Amino acid sequence: SVLRTGDVHMVYQPVFRLDGSQVEFVEALARFPSKPYHAPD
């Protein structure tokens, strides 16, 4: 059902350079809103 509907949305967590405080890149993490809720893993 998830594959058919594409029912996934992405959140992005920043990874910082500590020597200059810049955002180096963001990690994309999947979230599944389908019920019942289950952790992405």
Full PDB file with SEQRES, HELIX, SHEET, SSBOND, CRYST1, ORIGX, SCALE, CONECT and MASTER records, all heavy atoms in Angstrom:
SEQRES   1 A   41  SER VAL LEU ARG THR GLY ASP VAL HIS MET VAL TYR GLN          
SEQRES   2 A   41  PRO VAL PHE ARG LEU ASP GLY SER GLN VAL GLU PHE VAL          
SEQRES   3 A   41  GLU ALA LEU ALA ARG PHE PRO SER LYS PRO TYR HIS ALA          
SEQRES   4 A   41  PRO ASP                                                      
HELIX    1 AA1 VAL A    2  THR A    5  1                                   4    
SHEET    1 AA1 2 HIS A   9  PHE A  16  0                                        
SHEET    2 AA1 2 VAL A  23  ARG A  31 -1                                        
CRYST1    1.000    1.000    1.000  90.00  90.00  90.00 P 1           1          
ORIGX1      1.000000  0.000000  0.000000        0.00000                         
ORIGX2      0.000000  1.000000  0.000000        0.00000                         
ORIGX3      0.000000  0.000000  1.000000        0.00000                         
SCALE1      1.000000  0.000000  0.000000        0.00000                         
SCALE2      0.000000  1.000000  0.000000        0.00000                         
SCALE3      0.000000  0.000000  1.000000        0.00000                         
ATOM      1  N   SER A   1       0.835  -1.205   0.000  1.00  0.00           N  
ATOM      2  CA  SER A   1       0.000   0.000   0.000  1.00  0.00           C  
ATOM      3  C   SER A   1       0.869   1.253   0.000  1.00  0.00           C  
ATOM      4  O   SER A   1       0.597   2.215  -0.728  1.00  0.00           O  
ATOM      5  CB  SER A   1      -0.915  -0.005   1.231  1.00  0.00           C  
ATOM      6  OG  SER A   1      -1.659   1.191   1.301  1.00  0.00           O  
ATOM      7  N   VAL A   2       1.931   1.247   0.804  1.00  0.00           N  
ATOM      8  CA  VAL A   2       2.850   2.387   0.832  1.00  0.00           C  
ATOM      9  C   VAL A   2       3.534   2.544  -0.524  1.00  0.00           C  
ATOM     10  O   VAL A   2       3.674   3.658  -1.044  1.00  0.00           O  
ATOM     11  CB  VAL A   2       3.903   2.214   1.952  1.00  0.00           C  
ATOM     12  CG1 VAL A   2       5.002   3.262   1.828  1.00  0.00           C  
ATOM     13  CG2 VAL A   2       3.238   2.310   3.322  1.00  0.00           C  
ATOM     14  N   LEU A   3       3.963   1.430  -1.111  1.00  0.00           N  
ATOM     15  CA  LEU A   3       4.628   1.495  -2.416  1.00  0.00           C  
ATOM     16  C   LEU A   3       3.674   2.009  -3.492  1.00  0.00           C  
ATOM     17  O   LEU A   3       4.087   2.768  -4.377  1.00  0.00           O  
ATOM     18  CB  LEU A   3       5.150   0.104  -2.804  1.00  0.00           C  
ATOM     19  CG  LEU A   3       6.267  -0.471  -1.934  1.00  0.00           C  
ATOM     20  CD1 LEU A   3       6.564  -1.910  -2.333  1.00  0.00           C  
ATOM     21  CD2 LEU A   3       7.528   0.381  -2.038  1.00  0.00           C  
ATOM     22  N   ARG A   4       2.420   1.609  -3.396  1.00  0.00           N  
ATOM     23  CA  ARG A   4       1.440   2.016  -4.405  1.00  0.00           C  
ATOM     24  C   ARG A   4       1.088   3.495  -4.289  1.00  0.00           C  
ATOM     25  O   ARG A   4       0.952   4.207  -5.296  1.00  0.00           O  
ATOM     26  CB  ARG A   4       0.176   1.157  -4.251  1.00  0.00           C  
ATOM     27  CG  ARG A   4      -0.890   1.434  -5.307  1.00  0.00           C  
ATOM     28  CD  ARG A   4      -2.070   0.486  -5.167  1.00  0.00           C  
ATOM     29  NE  ARG A   4      -2.752   0.633  -3.883  1.00  0.00           N  
ATOM     30  CZ  ARG A   4      -2.643  -0.228  -2.877  1.00  0.00           C  
ATOM     31  NH1 ARG A   4      -1.872  -1.303  -3.004  1.00  0.00           N  
ATOM     32  NH2 ARG A   4      -3.299  -0.036  -1.753  1.00  0.00           N  
ATOM     33  N   THR A   5       0.938   3.969  -3.052  1.00  0.00           N  
ATOM     34  CA  THR A   5       0.503   5.360  -2.840  1.00  0.00           C  
ATOM     35  C   THR A   5       1.665   6.327  -2.684  1.00  0.00           C  
ATOM     36  O   THR A   5       1.474   7.541  -2.739  1.00  0.00           O  
ATOM     37  CB  THR A   5      -0.375   5.444  -1.589  1.00  0.00           C  
ATOM     38  OG1 THR A   5       0.388   5.037  -0.433  1.00  0.00           O  
ATOM     39  CG2 THR A   5      -1.601   4.551  -1.725  1.00  0.00           C  
ATOM     40  N   GLY A   6       2.881   5.775  -2.484  1.00  0.00           N  
ATOM     41  CA  GLY A   6       4.023   6.657  -2.231  1.00  0.00           C  
ATOM     42  C   GLY A   6       3.886   7.384  -0.908  1.00  0.00           C  
ATOM     43  O   GLY A   6       4.355   8.519  -0.766  1.00  0.00           O  
ATOM     44  N   ASP A   7       3.255   6.713   0.064  1.00  0.00           N  
ATOM     45  CA  ASP A   7       2.949   7.361   1.340  1.00  0.00           C  
ATOM     46  C   ASP A   7       4.175   7.404   2.245  1.00  0.00           C  
ATOM     47  O   ASP A   7       4.270   6.707   3.257  1.00  0.00           O  
ATOM     48  CB  ASP A   7       1.808   6.616   2.032  1.00  0.00           C  
ATOM     49  CG  ASP A   7       1.202   7.408   3.188  1.00  0.00           C  
ATOM     50  OD1 ASP A   7       1.496   8.614   3.278  1.00  0.00           O  
ATOM     51  OD2 ASP A   7       0.451   6.818   3.982  1.00  0.00           O  
ATOM     52  N   VAL A   8       5.148   8.217   1.858  1.00  0.00           N  
ATOM     53  CA  VAL A   8       6.353   8.440   2.654  1.00  0.00           C  
ATOM     54  C   VAL A   8       6.740   9.903   2.496  1.00  0.00           C  
ATOM     55  O   VAL A   8       6.592  10.483   1.419  1.00  0.00           O  
ATOM     56  CB  VAL A   8       7.512   7.521   2.188  1.00  0.00           C  
ATOM     57  CG1 VAL A   8       7.829   7.735   0.715  1.00  0.00           C  
ATOM     58  CG2 VAL A   8       8.762   7.749   3.022  1.00  0.00           C  
ATOM     59  N   HIS A   9       7.149  10.521   3.583  1.00  0.00           N  
ATOM     60  CA  HIS A   9       7.693  11.871   3.441  1.00  0.00           C  
ATOM     61  C   HIS A   9       9.044  11.926   4.131  1.00  0.00           C  
ATOM     62  O   HIS A   9       9.321  11.144   5.043  1.00  0.00           O  
ATOM     63  CB  HIS A   9       6.720  12.937   3.976  1.00  0.00           C  
ATOM     64  CG  HIS A   9       6.623  12.987   5.472  1.00  0.00           C  
ATOM     65  ND1 HIS A   9       5.635  12.334   6.173  1.00  0.00           N  
ATOM     66  CD2 HIS A   9       7.386  13.625   6.396  1.00  0.00           C  
ATOM     67  CE1 HIS A   9       5.784  12.565   7.466  1.00  0.00           C  
ATOM     68  NE2 HIS A   9       6.831  13.331   7.633  1.00  0.00           N  
ATOM     69  N   MET A  10       9.862  12.851   3.661  1.00  0.00           N  
ATOM     70  CA  MET A  10      11.240  12.913   4.131  1.00  0.00           C  
ATOM     71  C   MET A  10      11.448  14.115   5.044  1.00  0.00           C  
ATOM     72  O   MET A  10      10.883  15.191   4.825  1.00  0.00           O  
ATOM     73  CB  MET A  10      12.205  13.010   2.948  1.00  0.00           C  
ATOM     74  CG  MET A  10      12.024  11.916   1.902  1.00  0.00           C  
ATOM     75  SD  MET A  10      12.143  10.220   2.545  1.00  0.00           S  
ATOM     76  CE  MET A  10      13.875  10.204   3.087  1.00  0.00           C  
ATOM     77  N   VAL A  11      12.249  13.872   6.070  1.00  0.00           N  
ATOM     78  CA  VAL A  11      12.752  14.964   6.898  1.00  0.00           C  
ATOM     79  C   VAL A  11      14.269  14.964   6.743  1.00  0.00           C  
ATOM     80  O   VAL A  11      14.862  13.965   6.340  1.00  0.00           O  
ATOM     81  CB  VAL A  11      12.330  14.795   8.372  1.00  0.00           C  
ATOM     82  CG1 VAL A  11      10.827  14.963   8.517  1.00  0.00           C  
ATOM     83  CG2 VAL A  11      12.772  13.446   8.930  1.00  0.00           C  
ATOM     84  N   TYR A  12      14.878  16.081   7.059  1.00  0.00           N  
ATOM     85  CA  TYR A  12      16.306  16.251   6.804  1.00  0.00           C  
ATOM     86  C   TYR A  12      16.978  16.784   8.065  1.00  0.00           C  
ATOM     87  O   TYR A  12      16.561  17.810   8.607  1.00  0.00           O  
ATOM     88  CB  TYR A  12      16.533  17.203   5.628  1.00  0.00           C  
ATOM     89  CG  TYR A  12      15.918  16.710   4.337  1.00  0.00           C  
ATOM     90  CD1 TYR A  12      14.560  16.898   4.081  1.00  0.00           C  
ATOM     91  CD2 TYR A  12      16.682  16.047   3.386  1.00  0.00           C  
ATOM     92  CE1 TYR A  12      13.982  16.444   2.907  1.00  0.00           C  
ATOM     93  CE2 TYR A  12      16.116  15.587   2.210  1.00  0.00           C  
ATOM     94  CZ  TYR A  12      14.760  15.784   1.969  1.00  0.00           C  
ATOM     95  OH  TYR A  12      14.190  15.326   0.795  1.00  0.00           O  
ATOM     96  N   GLN A  13      18.000  16.070   8.524  1.00  0.00           N  
ATOM     97  CA  GLN A  13      18.722  16.504   9.719  1.00  0.00           C  
ATOM     98  C   GLN A  13      20.081  17.073   9.319  1.00  0.00           C  
ATOM     99  O   GLN A  13      20.845  16.407   8.610  1.00  0.00           O  
ATOM    100  CB  GLN A  13      18.911  15.346  10.697  1.00  0.00           C  
ATOM    101  CG  GLN A  13      19.539  15.786  12.019  1.00  0.00           C  
ATOM    102  CD  GLN A  13      19.556  14.671  13.059  1.00  0.00           C  
ATOM    103  OE1 GLN A  13      19.620  13.501  12.720  1.00  0.00           O  
ATOM    104  NE2 GLN A  13      19.500  15.042  14.339  1.00  0.00           N  
ATOM    105  N   PRO A  14      20.401  18.284   9.777  1.00  0.00           N  
ATOM    106  CA  PRO A  14      21.668  18.905   9.370  1.00  0.00           C  
ATOM    107  C   PRO A  14      22.883  18.280  10.052  1.00  0.00           C  
ATOM    108  O   PRO A  14      22.817  17.831  11.193  1.00  0.00           O  
ATOM    109  CB  PRO A  14      21.490  20.363   9.801  1.00  0.00           C  
ATOM    110  CG  PRO A  14      20.498  20.314  10.916  1.00  0.00           C  
ATOM    111  CD  PRO A  14      19.575  19.188  10.597  1.00  0.00           C  
ATOM    112  N   VAL A  15      23.964  18.234   9.317  1.00  0.00           N  
ATOM    113  CA  VAL A  15      25.277  17.840   9.837  1.00  0.00           C  
ATOM    114  C   VAL A  15      26.162  19.080   9.755  1.00  0.00           C  
ATOM    115  O   VAL A  15      26.312  19.679   8.680  1.00  0.00           O  
ATOM    116  CB  VAL A  15      25.889  16.691   9.015  1.00  0.00           C  
ATOM    117  CG1 VAL A  15      27.289  16.362   9.504  1.00  0.00           C  
ATOM    118  CG2 VAL A  15      24.988  15.460   9.073  1.00  0.00           C  
ATOM    119  N   PHE A  16      26.729  19.467  10.900  1.00  0.00           N  
ATOM    120  CA  PHE A  16      27.465  20.728  10.981  1.00  0.00           C  
ATOM    121  C   PHE A  16      28.970  20.532  10.982  1.00  0.00           C  
ATOM    122  O   PHE A  16      29.492  19.553  11.514  1.00  0.00           O  
ATOM    123  CB  PHE A  16      27.090  21.471  12.278  1.00  0.00           C  
ATOM    124  CG  PHE A  16      25.717  22.062  12.272  1.00  0.00           C  
ATOM    125  CD1 PHE A  16      24.629  21.330  12.703  1.00  0.00           C  
ATOM    126  CD2 PHE A  16      25.514  23.364  11.838  1.00  0.00           C  
ATOM    127  CE1 PHE A  16      23.358  21.870  12.707  1.00  0.00           C  
ATOM    128  CE2 PHE A  16      24.253  23.919  11.834  1.00  0.00           C  
ATOM    129  CZ  PHE A  16      23.172  23.176  12.270  1.00  0.00           C  
ATOM    130  N   ARG A  17      29.648  21.505  10.386  1.00  0.00           N  
ATOM    131  CA  ARG A  17      31.098  21.653  10.569  1.00  0.00           C  
ATOM    132  C   ARG A  17      31.308  22.418  11.865  1.00  0.00           C  
ATOM    133  O   ARG A  17      30.807  23.529  12.037  1.00  0.00           O  
ATOM    134  CB  ARG A  17      31.727  22.428   9.418  1.00  0.00           C  
ATOM    135  CG  ARG A  17      31.787  21.680   8.096  1.00  0.00           C  
ATOM    136  CD  ARG A  17      32.569  22.506   7.067  1.00  0.00           C  
ATOM    137  NE  ARG A  17      33.943  22.705   7.500  1.00  0.00           N  
ATOM    138  CZ  ARG A  17      34.959  21.928   7.147  1.00  0.00           C  
ATOM    139  NH1 ARG A  17      34.741  20.902   6.346  1.00  0.00           N  
ATOM    140  NH2 ARG A  17      36.177  22.162   7.568  1.00  0.00           N  
ATOM    141  N   LEU A  18      32.039  21.828  12.783  1.00  0.00           N  
ATOM    142  CA  LEU A  18      32.209  22.461  14.087  1.00  0.00           C  
ATOM    143  C   LEU A  18      33.302  23.519  14.083  1.00  0.00           C  
ATOM    144  O   LEU A  18      33.344  24.371  14.972  1.00  0.00           O  
ATOM    145  CB  LEU A  18      32.536  21.388  15.142  1.00  0.00           C  
ATOM    146  CG  LEU A  18      31.473  20.284  15.303  1.00  0.00           C  
ATOM    147  CD1 LEU A  18      31.883  19.315  16.403  1.00  0.00           C  
ATOM    148  CD2 LEU A  18      30.113  20.885  15.583  1.00  0.00           C  
ATOM    149  N   ASP A  19      34.166  23.479  13.066  1.00  0.00           N  
ATOM    150  CA  ASP A  19      35.231  24.487  13.035  1.00  0.00           C  
ATOM    151  C   ASP A  19      34.738  25.814  12.474  1.00  0.00           C  
ATOM    152  O   ASP A  19      35.406  26.830  12.600  1.00  0.00           O  
ATOM    153  CB  ASP A  19      36.428  23.986  12.208  1.00  0.00           C  
ATOM    154  CG  ASP A  19      36.031  23.519  10.814  1.00  0.00           C  
ATOM    155  OD1 ASP A  19      34.840  23.612  10.468  1.00  0.00           O  
ATOM    156  OD2 ASP A  19      36.922  23.051  10.088  1.00  0.00           O  
ATOM    157  N   GLY A  20      33.538  25.798  11.850  1.00  0.00           N  
ATOM    158  CA  GLY A  20      33.022  27.059  11.340  1.00  0.00           C  
ATOM    159  C   GLY A  20      31.535  27.208  11.493  1.00  0.00           C  
ATOM    160  O   GLY A  20      30.957  28.213  11.105  1.00  0.00           O  
ATOM    161  N   SER A  21      30.910  26.195  12.060  1.00  0.00           N  
ATOM    162  CA  SER A  21      29.477  26.195  12.367  1.00  0.00           C  
ATOM    163  C   SER A  21      28.581  26.102  11.150  1.00  0.00           C  
ATOM    164  O   SER A  21      27.368  26.252  11.267  1.00  0.00           O  
ATOM    165  CB  SER A  21      29.098  27.463  13.160  1.00  0.00           C  
ATOM    166  OG  SER A  21      29.890  27.572  14.310  1.00  0.00           O  
ATOM    167  N   GLN A  22      29.127  25.840   9.963  1.00  0.00           N  
ATOM    168  CA  GLN A  22      28.277  25.746   8.777  1.00  0.00           C  
ATOM    169  C   GLN A  22      27.590  24.381   8.690  1.00  0.00           C  
ATOM    170  O   GLN A  22      28.100  23.381   9.193  1.00  0.00           O  
ATOM    171  CB  GLN A  22      29.094  25.950   7.491  1.00  0.00           C  
ATOM    172  CG  GLN A  22      29.685  27.328   7.332  1.00  0.00           C  
ATOM    173  CD  GLN A  22      31.108  27.398   7.907  1.00  0.00           C  
ATOM    174  OE1 GLN A  22      31.595  26.422   8.465  1.00  0.00           O  
ATOM    175  NE2 GLN A  22      31.739  28.542   7.744  1.00  0.00           N  
ATOM    176  N   VAL A  23      26.443  24.386   8.009  1.00  0.00           N  
ATOM    177  CA  VAL A  23      25.793  23.116   7.687  1.00  0.00           C  
ATOM    178  C   VAL A  23      26.564  22.476   6.550  1.00  0.00           C  
ATOM    179  O   VAL A  23      26.650  23.038   5.456  1.00  0.00           O  
ATOM    180  CB  VAL A  23      24.317  23.317   7.291  1.00  0.00           C  
ATOM    181  CG1 VAL A  23      23.687  21.987   6.903  1.00  0.00           C  
ATOM    182  CG2 VAL A  23      23.533  23.953   8.434  1.00  0.00           C  
ATOM    183  N   GLU A  24      27.137  21.309   6.800  1.00  0.00           N  
ATOM    184  CA  GLU A  24      27.923  20.604   5.782  1.00  0.00           C  
ATOM    185  C   GLU A  24      27.001  19.911   4.775  1.00  0.00           C  
ATOM    186  O   GLU A  24      27.185  20.000   3.570  1.00  0.00           O  
ATOM    187  CB  GLU A  24      28.826  19.579   6.461  1.00  0.00           C  
ATOM    188  CG  GLU A  24      29.642  18.728   5.509  1.00  0.00           C  
ATOM    189  CD  GLU A  24      30.994  19.334   5.236  1.00  0.00           C  
ATOM    190  OE1 GLU A  24      31.223  20.506   5.583  1.00  0.00           O  
ATOM    191  OE2 GLU A  24      31.838  18.632   4.683  1.00  0.00           O  
ATOM    192  N   PHE A  25      26.018  19.169   5.296  1.00  0.00           N  
ATOM    193  CA  PHE A  25      25.017  18.515   4.453  1.00  0.00           C  
ATOM    194  C   PHE A  25      23.839  18.144   5.332  1.00  0.00           C  
ATOM    195  O   PHE A  25      23.848  18.372   6.548  1.00  0.00           O  
ATOM    196  CB  PHE A  25      25.600  17.283   3.731  1.00  0.00           C  
ATOM    197  CG  PHE A  25      26.056  16.165   4.630  1.00  0.00           C  
ATOM    198  CD1 PHE A  25      25.189  15.129   5.003  1.00  0.00           C  
ATOM    199  CD2 PHE A  25      27.368  16.111   5.115  1.00  0.00           C  
ATOM    200  CE1 PHE A  25      25.603  14.092   5.818  1.00  0.00           C  
ATOM    201  CE2 PHE A  25      27.795  15.069   5.928  1.00  0.00           C  
ATOM    202  CZ  PHE A  25      26.918  14.052   6.281  1.00  0.00           C  
ATOM    203  N   VAL A  26      22.796  17.601   4.720  1.00  0.00           N  
ATOM    204  CA  VAL A  26      21.639  17.141   5.485  1.00  0.00           C  
ATOM    205  C   VAL A  26      21.412  15.659   5.197  1.00  0.00           C  
ATOM    206  O   VAL A  26      21.597  15.204   4.064  1.00  0.00           O  
ATOM    207  CB  VAL A  26      20.370  17.953   5.166  1.00  0.00           C  
ATOM    208  CG1 VAL A  26      20.481  19.365   5.696  1.00  0.00           C  
ATOM    209  CG2 VAL A  26      20.069  17.956   3.664  1.00  0.00           C  
ATOM    210  N   GLU A  27      21.045  14.910   6.237  1.00  0.00           N  
ATOM    211  CA  GLU A  27      20.724  13.494   6.064  1.00  0.00           C  
ATOM    212  C   GLU A  27      19.226  13.337   5.882  1.00  0.00           C  
ATOM    213  O   GLU A  27      18.428  13.821   6.690  1.00  0.00           O  
ATOM    214  CB  GLU A  27      21.180  12.676   7.274  1.00  0.00           C  
ATOM    215  CG  GLU A  27      20.834  11.196   7.136  1.00  0.00           C  
ATOM    216  CD  GLU A  27      21.246  10.361   8.337  1.00  0.00           C  
ATOM    217  OE1 GLU A  27      21.824  10.920   9.298  1.00  0.00           O  
ATOM    218  OE2 GLU A  27      20.992   9.136   8.314  1.00  0.00           O  
ATOM    219  N   ALA A  28      18.822  12.663   4.816  1.00  0.00           N  
ATOM    220  CA  ALA A  28      17.408  12.424   4.536  1.00  0.00           C  
ATOM    221  C   ALA A  28      16.935  11.204   5.316  1.00  0.00           C  
ATOM    222  O   ALA A  28      17.558  10.131   5.267  1.00  0.00           O  
ATOM    223  CB  ALA A  28      17.201  12.195   3.041  1.00  0.00           C  
ATOM    224  N   LEU A  29      15.836  11.373   6.029  1.00  0.00           N  
ATOM    225  CA  LEU A  29      15.285  10.302   6.859  1.00  0.00           C  
ATOM    226  C   LEU A  29      13.809  10.122   6.526  1.00  0.00           C  
ATOM    227  O   LEU A  29      13.057  11.098   6.460  1.00  0.00           O  
ATOM    228  CB  LEU A  29      15.457  10.652   8.346  1.00  0.00           C  
ATOM    229  CG  LEU A  29      16.910  10.845   8.807  1.00  0.00           C  
ATOM    230  CD1 LEU A  29      16.944  11.534  10.163  1.00  0.00           C  
ATOM    231  CD2 LEU A  29      17.636   9.509   8.867  1.00  0.00           C  
ATOM    232  N   ALA A  30      13.404   8.883   6.328  1.00  0.00           N  
ATOM    233  CA  ALA A  30      12.032   8.594   5.917  1.00  0.00           C  
ATOM    234  C   ALA A  30      11.091   8.568   7.113  1.00  0.00           C  
ATOM    235  O   ALA A  30      11.441   8.124   8.200  1.00  0.00           O  
ATOM    236  CB  ALA A  30      11.973   7.250   5.195  1.00  0.00           C  
ATOM    237  N   ARG A  31       9.873   9.036   6.890  1.00  0.00           N  
ATOM    238  CA  ARG A  31       8.800   8.962   7.868  1.00  0.00           C  
ATOM    239  C   ARG A  31       7.557   8.409   7.157  1.00  0.00           C  
ATOM    240  O   ARG A  31       7.257   8.799   6.035  1.00  0.00           O  
ATOM    241  CB  ARG A  31       8.492  10.335   8.472  1.00  0.00           C  
ATOM    242  CG  ARG A  31       9.668  10.943   9.233  1.00  0.00           C  
ATOM    243  CD  ARG A  31       9.956  10.159  10.494  1.00  0.00           C  
ATOM    244  NE  ARG A  31      11.017  10.764  11.299  1.00  0.00           N  
ATOM    245  CZ  ARG A  31      12.297  10.394  11.256  1.00  0.00           C  
ATOM    246  NH1 ARG A  31      12.664   9.420  10.410  1.00  0.00           N  
ATOM    247  NH2 ARG A  31      13.186  10.974  12.034  1.00  0.00           N  
ATOM    248  N   PHE A  32       6.864   7.501   7.838  1.00  0.00           N  
ATOM    249  CA  PHE A  32       5.703   6.849   7.253  1.00  0.00           C  
ATOM    250  C   PHE A  32       4.459   7.226   8.053  1.00  0.00           C  
ATOM    251  O   PHE A  32       4.281   6.759   9.182  1.00  0.00           O  
ATOM    252  CB  PHE A  32       5.892   5.334   7.240  1.00  0.00           C  
ATOM    253  CG  PHE A  32       7.077   4.894   6.428  1.00  0.00           C  
ATOM    254  CD1 PHE A  32       8.331   4.745   7.010  1.00  0.00           C  
ATOM    255  CD2 PHE A  32       6.951   4.659   5.062  1.00  0.00           C  
ATOM    256  CE1 PHE A  32       9.429   4.349   6.269  1.00  0.00           C  
ATOM    257  CE2 PHE A  32       8.046   4.265   4.309  1.00  0.00           C  
ATOM    258  CZ  PHE A  32       9.290   4.112   4.902  1.00  0.00           C  
ATOM    259  N   PRO A  33       3.589   8.041   7.491  1.00  0.00           N  
ATOM    260  CA  PRO A  33       2.406   8.492   8.225  1.00  0.00           C  
ATOM    261  C   PRO A  33       1.295   7.457   8.324  1.00  0.00           C  
ATOM    262  O   PRO A  33       0.327   7.646   9.055  1.00  0.00           O  
ATOM    263  CB  PRO A  33       1.940   9.706   7.413  1.00  0.00           C  
ATOM    264  CG  PRO A  33       2.442   9.451   6.028  1.00  0.00           C  
ATOM    265  CD  PRO A  33       3.741   8.716   6.188  1.00  0.00           C  
ATOM    266  N   SER A  34       1.418   6.338   7.605  1.00  0.00           N  
ATOM    267  CA  SER A  34       0.355   5.326   7.617  1.00  0.00           C  
ATOM    268  C   SER A  34       0.115   4.814   9.029  1.00  0.00           C  
ATOM    269  O   SER A  34       1.048   4.662   9.816  1.00  0.00           O  
ATOM    270  CB  SER A  34       0.735   4.147   6.713  1.00  0.00           C  
ATOM    271  OG  SER A  34       0.885   4.562   5.381  1.00  0.00           O  
ATOM    272  N   LYS A  35      -1.149   4.545   9.332  1.00  0.00           N  
ATOM    273  CA  LYS A  35      -1.510   4.009  10.636  1.00  0.00           C  
ATOM    274  C   LYS A  35      -1.741   2.500  10.529  1.00  0.00           C  
ATOM    275  O   LYS A  35      -2.166   2.000   9.506  1.00  0.00           O  
ATOM    276  CB  LYS A  35      -2.770   4.704  11.150  1.00  0.00           C  
ATOM    277  CG  LYS A  35      -2.553   6.181  11.447  1.00  0.00           C  
ATOM    278  CD  LYS A  35      -3.806   6.823  11.993  1.00  0.00           C  
ATOM    279  CE  LYS A  35      -3.570   8.303  12.299  1.00  0.00           C  
ATOM    280  NZ  LYS A  35      -4.791   8.954  12.822  1.00  0.00           N  
ATOM    281  N   PRO A  36      -1.437   1.736  11.602  1.00  0.00           N  
ATOM    282  CA  PRO A  36      -0.902   2.194  12.882  1.00  0.00           C  
ATOM    283  C   PRO A  36       0.549   2.634  12.752  1.00  0.00           C  
ATOM    284  O   PRO A  36       1.279   2.159  11.885  1.00  0.00           O  
ATOM    285  CB  PRO A  36      -1.004   0.953  13.771  1.00  0.00           C  
ATOM    286  CG  PRO A  36      -0.929  -0.188  12.820  1.00  0.00           C  
ATOM    287  CD  PRO A  36      -1.619   0.263  11.573  1.00  0.00           C  
ATOM    288  N   TYR A  37       0.959   3.544  13.637  1.00  0.00           N  
ATOM    289  CA  TYR A  37       2.296   4.117  13.541  1.00  0.00           C  
ATOM    290  C   TYR A  37       3.360   3.090  13.922  1.00  0.00           C  
ATOM    291  O   TYR A  37       3.197   2.329  14.879  1.00  0.00           O  
ATOM    292  CB  TYR A  37       2.420   5.328  14.468  1.00  0.00           C  
ATOM    293  CG  TYR A  37       3.844   5.857  14.524  1.00  0.00           C  
ATOM    294  CD1 TYR A  37       4.339   6.654  13.501  1.00  0.00           C  
ATOM    295  CD2 TYR A  37       4.687   5.510  15.574  1.00  0.00           C  
ATOM    296  CE1 TYR A  37       5.646   7.103  13.519  1.00  0.00           C  
ATOM    297  CE2 TYR A  37       6.001   5.960  15.602  1.00  0.00           C  
ATOM    298  CZ  TYR A  37       6.473   6.764  14.576  1.00  0.00           C  
ATOM    299  OH  TYR A  37       7.774   7.194  14.601  1.00  0.00           O  
ATOM    300  N   HIS A  38       4.449   3.118  13.159  1.00  0.00           N  
ATOM    301  CA  HIS A  38       5.627   2.321  13.495  1.00  0.00           C  
ATOM    302  C   HIS A  38       6.858   3.160  13.189  1.00  0.00           C  
ATOM    303  O   HIS A  38       6.863   3.979  12.273  1.00  0.00           O  
ATOM    304  CB  HIS A  38       5.678   1.027  12.685  1.00  0.00           C  
ATOM    305  CG  HIS A  38       4.584   0.064  13.017  1.00  0.00           C  
ATOM    306  ND1 HIS A  38       4.606  -0.727  14.140  1.00  0.00           N  
ATOM    307  CD2 HIS A  38       3.411  -0.196  12.397  1.00  0.00           C  
ATOM    308  CE1 HIS A  38       3.500  -1.444  14.192  1.00  0.00           C  
ATOM    309  NE2 HIS A  38       2.766  -1.136  13.143  1.00  0.00           N  
ATOM    310  N   ALA A  39       7.896   2.964  13.981  1.00  0.00           N  
ATOM    311  CA  ALA A  39       9.149   3.682  13.750  1.00  0.00           C  
ATOM    312  C   ALA A  39       9.663   3.360  12.347  1.00  0.00           C  
ATOM    313  O   ALA A  39       9.453   2.250  11.840  1.00  0.00           O  
ATOM    314  CB  ALA A  39      10.182   3.286  14.801  1.00  0.00           C  
ATOM    315  N   PRO A  40      10.348   4.307  11.709  1.00  0.00           N  
ATOM    316  CA  PRO A  40      10.845   4.070  10.340  1.00  0.00           C  
ATOM    317  C   PRO A  40      11.680   2.804  10.212  1.00  0.00           C  
ATOM    318  O   PRO A  40      11.515   2.047   9.242  1.00  0.00           O  
ATOM    319  CB  PRO A  40      11.680   5.327  10.067  1.00  0.00           C  
ATOM    320  CG  PRO A  40      11.068   6.382  10.928  1.00  0.00           C  
ATOM    321  CD  PRO A  40      10.640   5.681  12.179  1.00  0.00           C  
ATOM    322  N   ASP A  41      12.569   2.547  11.182  1.00  0.00           N  
ATOM    323  CA  ASP A  41      13.406   1.345  11.101  1.00  0.00           C  
ATOM    324  C   ASP A  41      12.550   0.092  11.023  1.00  0.00           C  
ATOM    325  O   ASP A  41      12.889  -0.868  10.326  1.00  0.00           O  
ATOM    326  CB  ASP A  41      14.343   1.260  12.302  1.00  0.00           C  
ATOM    327  CG  ASP A  41      15.489   2.251  12.228  1.00  0.00           C  
ATOM    328  OD1 ASP A  41      15.631   2.915  11.181  1.00  0.00           O  
ATOM    329  OD2 ASP A  41      16.231   2.377  13.221  1.00  0.00           O  
TER     330      ASP A  41                                                      
MASTER        0    0    0    1    2    0    0    6  329    1    0    4          
END                                                                             
